[in-house]
C-alpha atoms as a PDB file:
ATOM      1  CA  MET A   1       9.146  -5.057  -4.850  1.00  0.00           C
ATOM      2  CA  ARG A   2       9.566  -6.819  -1.523  1.00  0.00           C
ATOM      3  CA  LEU A   3       8.242  -5.124   1.578  1.00  0.00           C
ATOM      4  CA  LYS A   4      11.368  -6.080   3.500  1.00  0.00           C
ATOM      5  CA  GLU A   5      13.633  -3.989   1.267  1.00  0.00           C
ATOM      6  CA  GLU A   6      11.702  -0.813   2.034  1.00  0.00           C
ATOM      7  CA  LEU A   7      11.985  -1.023   5.795  1.00  0.00           C
ATOM      8  CA  PRO A   8      14.343   1.150   7.789  1.00  0.00           C
ATOM      9  CA  VAL A   9      16.316  -0.772  10.363  1.00  0.00           C
ATOM     10  CA  ASP A  10      15.749   1.495  13.345  1.00  0.00           C
ATOM     11  CA  HIS A  11      13.111   4.089  14.072  1.00  0.00           C
ATOM     12  CA  ARG A  12      10.803   5.133  16.892  1.00  0.00           C
ATOM     13  CA  LEU A  13       7.763   3.286  15.498  1.00  0.00           C
ATOM     14  CA  HIS A  14       9.213  -0.084  16.538  1.00  0.00           C
ATOM     15  CA  ARG A  15       7.658   0.495  19.960  1.00  0.00           C
ATOM     16  CA  VAL A  16       4.204   0.898  18.371  1.00  0.00           C
ATOM     17  CA  TYR A  17       4.559  -2.403  16.506  1.00  0.00           C
ATOM     18  CA  GLY A  18       5.738  -4.251  19.594  1.00  0.00           C
ATOM     19  CA  ILE A  19       3.185  -2.783  21.990  1.00  0.00           C
ATOM     20  CA  GLY A  20       0.349  -3.446  19.539  1.00  0.00           C
ATOM     21  CA  ALA A  21       1.428  -7.030  18.956  1.00  0.00           C
ATOM     22  CA  GLY A  22       1.874  -7.609  22.688  1.00  0.00           C
ATOM     23  CA  LEU A  23      -1.503  -6.198  23.731  1.00  0.00           C
ATOM     24  CA  CYS A  24      -3.470  -8.017  21.045  1.00  0.00           C
ATOM     25  CA  GLY A  25      -1.516 -11.219  21.694  1.00  0.00           C
ATOM     26  CA  LEU A  26      -2.232 -10.980  25.403  1.00  0.00           C
ATOM     27  CA  LEU A  27      -5.948 -10.526  24.742  1.00  0.00           C
ATOM     28  CA  LEU A  28      -6.025 -13.593  22.483  1.00  0.00           C
ATOM     29  CA  LEU A  29      -3.984 -15.610  24.970  1.00  0.00           C
ATOM     30  CA  VAL A  30      -6.405 -14.768  27.796  1.00  0.00           C
ATOM     31  CA  PHE A  31      -9.433 -15.668  25.635  1.00  0.00           C
ATOM     32  CA  GLY A  32      -7.899 -18.994  24.618  1.00  0.00           C
ATOM     33  CA  SER A  33      -6.829 -19.794  28.174  1.00  0.00           C
ATOM     34  CA  LEU A  34     -10.341 -19.108  29.477  1.00  0.00           C
ATOM     35  CA  GLY A  35     -11.610 -21.635  26.937  1.00  0.00           C
ATOM     36  CA  PHE A  36      -9.165 -24.236  28.219  1.00  0.00           C
ATOM     37  CA  ALA A  37     -10.109 -23.419  31.828  1.00  0.00           C
ATOM     38  CA  ASP A  38     -13.739 -24.216  30.982  1.00  0.00           C
ATOM     39  CA  SER A  39     -12.670 -27.653  29.642  1.00  0.00           C
ATOM     40  CA  LEU A  40     -14.430 -27.172  26.319  1.00  0.00           C
ATOM     41  CA  SER A  41     -14.625 -30.100  23.941  1.00  0.00           C
ATOM     42  CA  PHE A  42     -12.415 -29.703  20.904  1.00  0.00           C
ATOM     43  CA  PHE A  43     -15.022 -29.675  18.096  1.00  0.00           C
ATOM     44  CA  SER A  44     -18.155 -28.783  20.061  1.00  0.00           C
ATOM     45  CA  THR A  45     -20.631 -26.559  18.266  1.00  0.00           C
ATOM     46  CA  GLU A  46     -23.054 -26.387  21.190  1.00  0.00           C
ATOM     47  CA  GLY A  47     -22.576 -22.680  21.764  1.00  0.00           C
ATOM     48  CA  GLN A  48     -20.295 -22.454  24.819  1.00  0.00           C
ATOM     49  CA  ARG A  49     -19.659 -18.764  25.500  1.00  0.00           C
ATOM     50  CA  ILE A  50     -16.539 -17.154  26.915  1.00  0.00           C
ATOM     51  CA  ALA A  51     -16.400 -13.361  27.276  1.00  0.00           C
ATOM     52  CA  GLY A  52     -19.462 -13.020  25.046  1.00  0.00           C
ATOM     53  CA  LEU A  53     -17.999 -15.088  22.205  1.00  0.00           C
ATOM     54  CA  SER A  54     -18.930 -18.638  21.288  1.00  0.00           C
ATOM     55  CA  THR A  55     -15.966 -20.970  21.406  1.00  0.00           C
ATOM     56  CA  ASN A  56     -14.722 -24.535  21.538  1.00  0.00           C
ATOM     57  CA  GLY A  57     -11.394 -26.247  22.220  1.00  0.00           C
ATOM     58  CA  LEU A  58     -10.158 -25.766  18.659  1.00  0.00           C
ATOM     59  CA  LEU A  59     -10.872 -22.025  18.662  1.00  0.00           C
ATOM     60  CA  SER A  60      -9.198 -21.745  22.082  1.00  0.00           C
ATOM     61  CA  SER A  61      -6.120 -23.536  20.701  1.00  0.00           C
ATOM     62  CA  ILE A  62      -5.975 -21.248  17.666  1.00  0.00           C
ATOM     63  CA  SER A  63      -6.411 -18.189  19.898  1.00  0.00           C
ATOM     64  CA  VAL A  64      -3.536 -19.290  22.146  1.00  0.00           C
ATOM     65  CA  LEU A  65      -1.364 -20.032  19.097  1.00  0.00           C
ATOM     66  CA  PHE A  66      -1.933 -16.598  17.565  1.00  0.00           C
ATOM     67  CA  GLY A  67      -1.609 -14.935  20.977  1.00  0.00           C
ATOM     68  CA  VAL A  68       1.795 -16.557  21.505  1.00  0.00           C
ATOM     69  CA  LEU A  69       2.834 -15.635  17.940  1.00  0.00           C
ATOM     70  CA  LEU A  70       1.958 -11.975  18.542  1.00  0.00           C
ATOM     71  CA  ILE A  71       3.731 -11.926  21.904  1.00  0.00           C
ATOM     72  CA  VAL A  72       6.859 -13.465  20.361  1.00  0.00           C
ATOM     73  CA  ALA A  73       6.677 -10.832  17.600  1.00  0.00           C
ATOM     74  CA  ALA A  74       6.395  -8.140  20.281  1.00  0.00           C
ATOM     75  CA  VAL A  75       9.492  -9.486  22.043  1.00  0.00           C
ATOM     76  CA  ILE A  76      11.470  -9.600  18.783  1.00  0.00           C
ATOM     77  CA  GLY A  77      10.007  -6.225  17.857  1.00  0.00           C
ATOM     78  CA  GLY A  78      10.918  -3.956  14.988  1.00  0.00           C
ATOM     79  CA  ASN A  79      10.024  -4.696  11.425  1.00  0.00           C
ATOM     80  CA  PHE A  80       9.311  -8.332  12.287  1.00  0.00           C
ATOM     81  CA  ALA A  81       6.527  -7.277  14.684  1.00  0.00           C
ATOM     82  CA  SER A  82       5.127  -4.920  12.059  1.00  0.00           C
ATOM     83  CA  THR A  83       5.041  -7.602   9.380  1.00  0.00           C
ATOM     84  CA  VAL A  84       3.541 -10.203  11.734  1.00  0.00           C
ATOM     85  CA  ASN A  85       0.866  -7.677  12.760  1.00  0.00           C
ATOM     86  CA  ILE A  86      -0.064  -7.042   9.136  1.00  0.00           C
ATOM     87  CA  VAL A  87      -0.210 -10.750   8.225  1.00  0.00           C
ATOM     88  CA  VAL A  88      -2.165 -11.757  11.341  1.00  0.00           C
ATOM     89  CA  GLY A  89      -4.551  -8.814  10.878  1.00  0.00           C
ATOM     90  CA  VAL A  90      -5.276  -9.856   7.290  1.00  0.00           C
ATOM     91  CA  LEU A  91      -5.858 -13.452   8.461  1.00  0.00           C
ATOM     92  CA  PHE A  92      -8.333 -12.270  11.091  1.00  0.00           C
ATOM     93  CA  VAL A  93     -10.293 -10.176   8.595  1.00  0.00           C
ATOM     94  CA  ALA A  94     -10.304 -13.063   6.087  1.00  0.00           C
ATOM     95  CA  SER A  95     -11.455 -15.407   8.852  1.00  0.00           C
ATOM     96  CA  GLY A  96     -14.305 -13.020   9.638  1.00  0.00           C
ATOM     97  CA  PHE A  97     -15.488 -13.103   6.030  1.00  0.00           C
ATOM     98  CA  LEU A  98     -15.142 -16.885   5.811  1.00  0.00           C
ATOM     99  CA  HIS A  99     -17.019 -17.501   9.040  1.00  0.00           C
ATOM    100  CA  LEU A 100     -19.707 -15.000   8.130  1.00  0.00           C
ATOM    101  CA  PHE A 101     -20.475 -17.362   5.265  1.00  0.00           C
ATOM    102  CA  LEU A 102     -20.203 -20.464   7.490  1.00  0.00           C
ATOM    103  CA  ILE A 103     -22.541 -19.389  10.323  1.00  0.00           C
ATOM    104  CA  GLY A 104     -25.263 -22.004  10.751  1.00  0.00           C
ATOM    105  CA  ARG A 105     -23.600 -24.489   8.389  1.00  0.00           C
ATOM    106  CA  PRO A 106     -21.923 -27.809   9.150  1.00  0.00           C
ATOM    107  CA  GLY A 107     -18.490 -26.434   8.146  1.00  0.00           C
ATOM    108  CA  ASN A 108     -18.481 -24.044  11.121  1.00  0.00           C
ATOM    109  CA  ILE A 109     -16.079 -26.195  13.154  1.00  0.00           C
ATOM    110  CA  LEU A 110     -14.821 -23.223  15.186  1.00  0.00           C
ATOM    111  CA  ASP A 111     -18.367 -22.498  16.420  1.00  0.00           C
ATOM    112  CA  PHE A 112     -18.299 -18.910  15.185  1.00  0.00           C
ATOM    113  CA  GLY A 113     -21.324 -16.769  15.864  1.00  0.00           C
ATOM    114  CA  LEU A 114     -22.016 -13.247  14.672  1.00  0.00           C
ATOM    115  CA  SER A 115     -20.261 -11.800  17.726  1.00  0.00           C
ATOM    116  CA  ASN A 116     -17.147 -13.816  16.782  1.00  0.00           C
ATOM    117  CA  VAL A 117     -17.286 -12.444  13.239  1.00  0.00           C
ATOM    118  CA  VAL A 118     -17.508  -8.868  14.524  1.00  0.00           C
ATOM    119  CA  PHE A 119     -14.669  -9.564  16.974  1.00  0.00           C
ATOM    120  CA  SER A 120     -12.579 -11.074  14.163  1.00  0.00           C
ATOM    121  CA  PHE A 121     -13.109  -8.008  11.964  1.00  0.00           C
ATOM    122  CA  LEU A 122     -12.341  -5.551  14.781  1.00  0.00           C
ATOM    123  CA  MET A 123      -9.318  -7.453  16.079  1.00  0.00           C
ATOM    124  CA  GLY A 124      -7.974  -7.872  12.548  1.00  0.00           C
ATOM    125  CA  LEU A 125      -8.322  -4.165  11.811  1.00  0.00           C
ATOM    126  CA  LEU A 126      -6.721  -3.252  15.136  1.00  0.00           C
ATOM    127  CA  ILE A 127      -3.762  -5.588  14.597  1.00  0.00           C
ATOM    128  CA  MET A 128      -3.312  -4.378  11.003  1.00  0.00           C
ATOM    129  CA  THR A 129      -3.432  -0.764  12.178  1.00  0.00           C
ATOM    130  CA  PHE A 130      -0.629  -1.441  14.658  1.00  0.00           C
ATOM    131  CA  GLY A 131       1.392  -3.114  11.914  1.00  0.00           C
ATOM    132  CA  MET A 132       0.825  -0.505   9.231  1.00  0.00           C
ATOM    133  CA  TYR A 133       1.223   2.542  11.440  1.00  0.00           C
ATOM    134  CA  GLY A 134       3.841   4.754   9.828  1.00  0.00           C
ATOM    135  CA  ARG A 135       4.506   2.277   7.016  1.00  0.00           C
ATOM    136  CA  VAL A 136       1.483   2.746   4.814  1.00  0.00           C
ATOM    137  CA  SER A 137       0.291   6.184   3.821  1.00  0.00           C
ATOM    138  CA  GLY A 138      -0.387   8.188   0.745  1.00  0.00           C
ATOM    139  CA  GLY A 139       1.453  11.232   2.009  1.00  0.00           C
ATOM    140  CA  LEU A 140       4.380  10.386   4.248  1.00  0.00           C
ATOM    141  CA  PRO A 141       6.512  13.391   5.196  1.00  0.00           C
ATOM    142  CA  HIS A 142       9.972  13.465   3.686  1.00  0.00           C
ATOM    143  CA  ASP A 143      11.665  12.970   7.057  1.00  0.00           C
ATOM    144  CA  ASN A 144       9.829   9.645   7.537  1.00  0.00           C
ATOM    145  CA  PRO A 145      12.314   6.756   7.312  1.00  0.00           C
ATOM    146  CA  TYR A 146       9.941   4.708   5.128  1.00  0.00           C
ATOM    147  CA  TRP A 147       9.606   7.574   2.641  1.00  0.00           C
ATOM    148  CA  GLN A 148      13.389   7.951   2.584  1.00  0.00           C
ATOM    149  CA  ARG A 149      13.879   4.236   1.905  1.00  0.00           C
ATOM    150  CA  ARG A 150      11.307   4.281  -0.905  1.00  0.00           C
ATOM    151  CA  HIS A 151      12.752   7.444  -2.511  1.00  0.00           C
ATOM    152  CA  PRO A 152      16.504   7.207  -1.911  1.00  0.00           C
ATOM    153  CA  ARG A 153      17.570   9.522  -4.760  1.00  0.00           C
ATOM    154  CA  GLN A 154      15.229  12.338  -3.822  1.00  0.00           C
ATOM    155  CA  ALA A 155      16.081  11.912  -0.121  1.00  0.00           C
ATOM    156  CA  ALA A 156      19.795  12.168  -0.962  1.00  0.00           C
ATOM    157  CA  ARG A 157      19.166  15.314  -3.041  1.00  0.00           C
ATOM    158  CA  GLU A 158      17.184  16.897  -0.209  1.00  0.00           C
ATOM    159  CA  LYS A 159      19.884  16.040   2.369  1.00  0.00           C
ATOM    160  CA  ALA A 160      22.596  17.462   0.106  1.00  0.00           C
ATOM    161  CA  ALA A 161      20.588  20.659  -0.413  1.00  0.00           C
ATOM    162  CA  ALA A 162      20.076  21.013   3.342  1.00  0.00           C
ATOM    163  CA  ARG A 163      23.815  20.533   3.950  1.00  0.00           C
ATOM    164  CA  ARG A 164      24.672  23.133   1.301  1.00  0.00           C
ATOM    165  CA  LEU A 165      22.226  25.573   2.852  1.00  0.00           C
ATOM    166  CA  ALA A 166      23.672  24.987   6.318  1.00  0.00           C
ATOM    167  CA  LEU A 167      27.261  25.457   5.086  1.00  0.00           C
ATOM    168  CA  ALA A 168      26.617  28.416   2.765  1.00  0.00           C
ATOM    169  CA  PRO A 169      27.765  31.788   4.126  1.00  0.00           C
ATOM    170  CA  ALA A 170      24.943  34.114   4.941  1.00  0.00           C
ATOM    171  CA  GLU A 171      24.382  36.951   2.520  1.00  0.00           C
ATOM    172  CA  PRO A 172      25.299  40.388   3.905  1.00  0.00           C
ATOM    173  CA  ALA A 173      21.756  41.664   3.502  1.00  0.00           C
ATOM    174  CA  ALA A 174      20.544  38.839   5.769  1.00  0.00           C
ATOM    175  CA  ILE A 175      23.059  39.738   8.527  1.00  0.00           C
ATOM    176  CA  PRO A 176      21.910  42.502  10.892  1.00  0.00           C
ATOM    177  CA  GLU A 177      23.971  45.706  10.738  1.00  0.00           C
ATOM    178  CA  HIS A 178      25.453  45.368  14.229  1.00  0.00           C
ATOM    179  CA  GLN A 179      26.760  41.824  13.468  1.00  0.00           C
ATOM    180  CA  ARG A 180      28.527  42.631  10.199  1.00  0.00           C
ATOM    181  CA  GLU A 181      32.307  42.619  10.057  1.00  0.00           C
ATOM    182  CA  PRO A 182      33.901  45.937   9.128  1.00  0.00           C
ATOM    183  CA  ALA A 183      35.056  46.116   5.521  1.00  0.00           C
END
């Protein structure tokens, strides 16, 4: 099953996906730009700090790249923004785990410290939450467009039953006495 096939084309949650992608992208873009403004060397592991996080030129470049990606996703919006949020969020969480292992080792070319790992976990979870909002749940209501796309037969049966109920004449016992037609 492909995720793309389950997505409704238009619904009110598109704003959540876009706003989430835009805000997180802007935050990453600012962090990366501050690193460039400090003229950090590309592979330095000397512990330069920007906004409480250790960084170097490579991490600033990656931050700007992901910030721009999230902002572009926000501009495109819709299901694209949701999917980009989910993928980028998973990458951030995976990066946190990888760099947790690499702290203090020669392979730590992004100069991650523990604060960076915590930031990576939190940012990844935040971005994933924006992407998954309304799409992933164990108990979506039946009027949710994602539930309807995943259960088309049952949704069609429920819509047909609602139409029949709306079109069915009311039973005389349910009509108040003063509104009944004379027989």
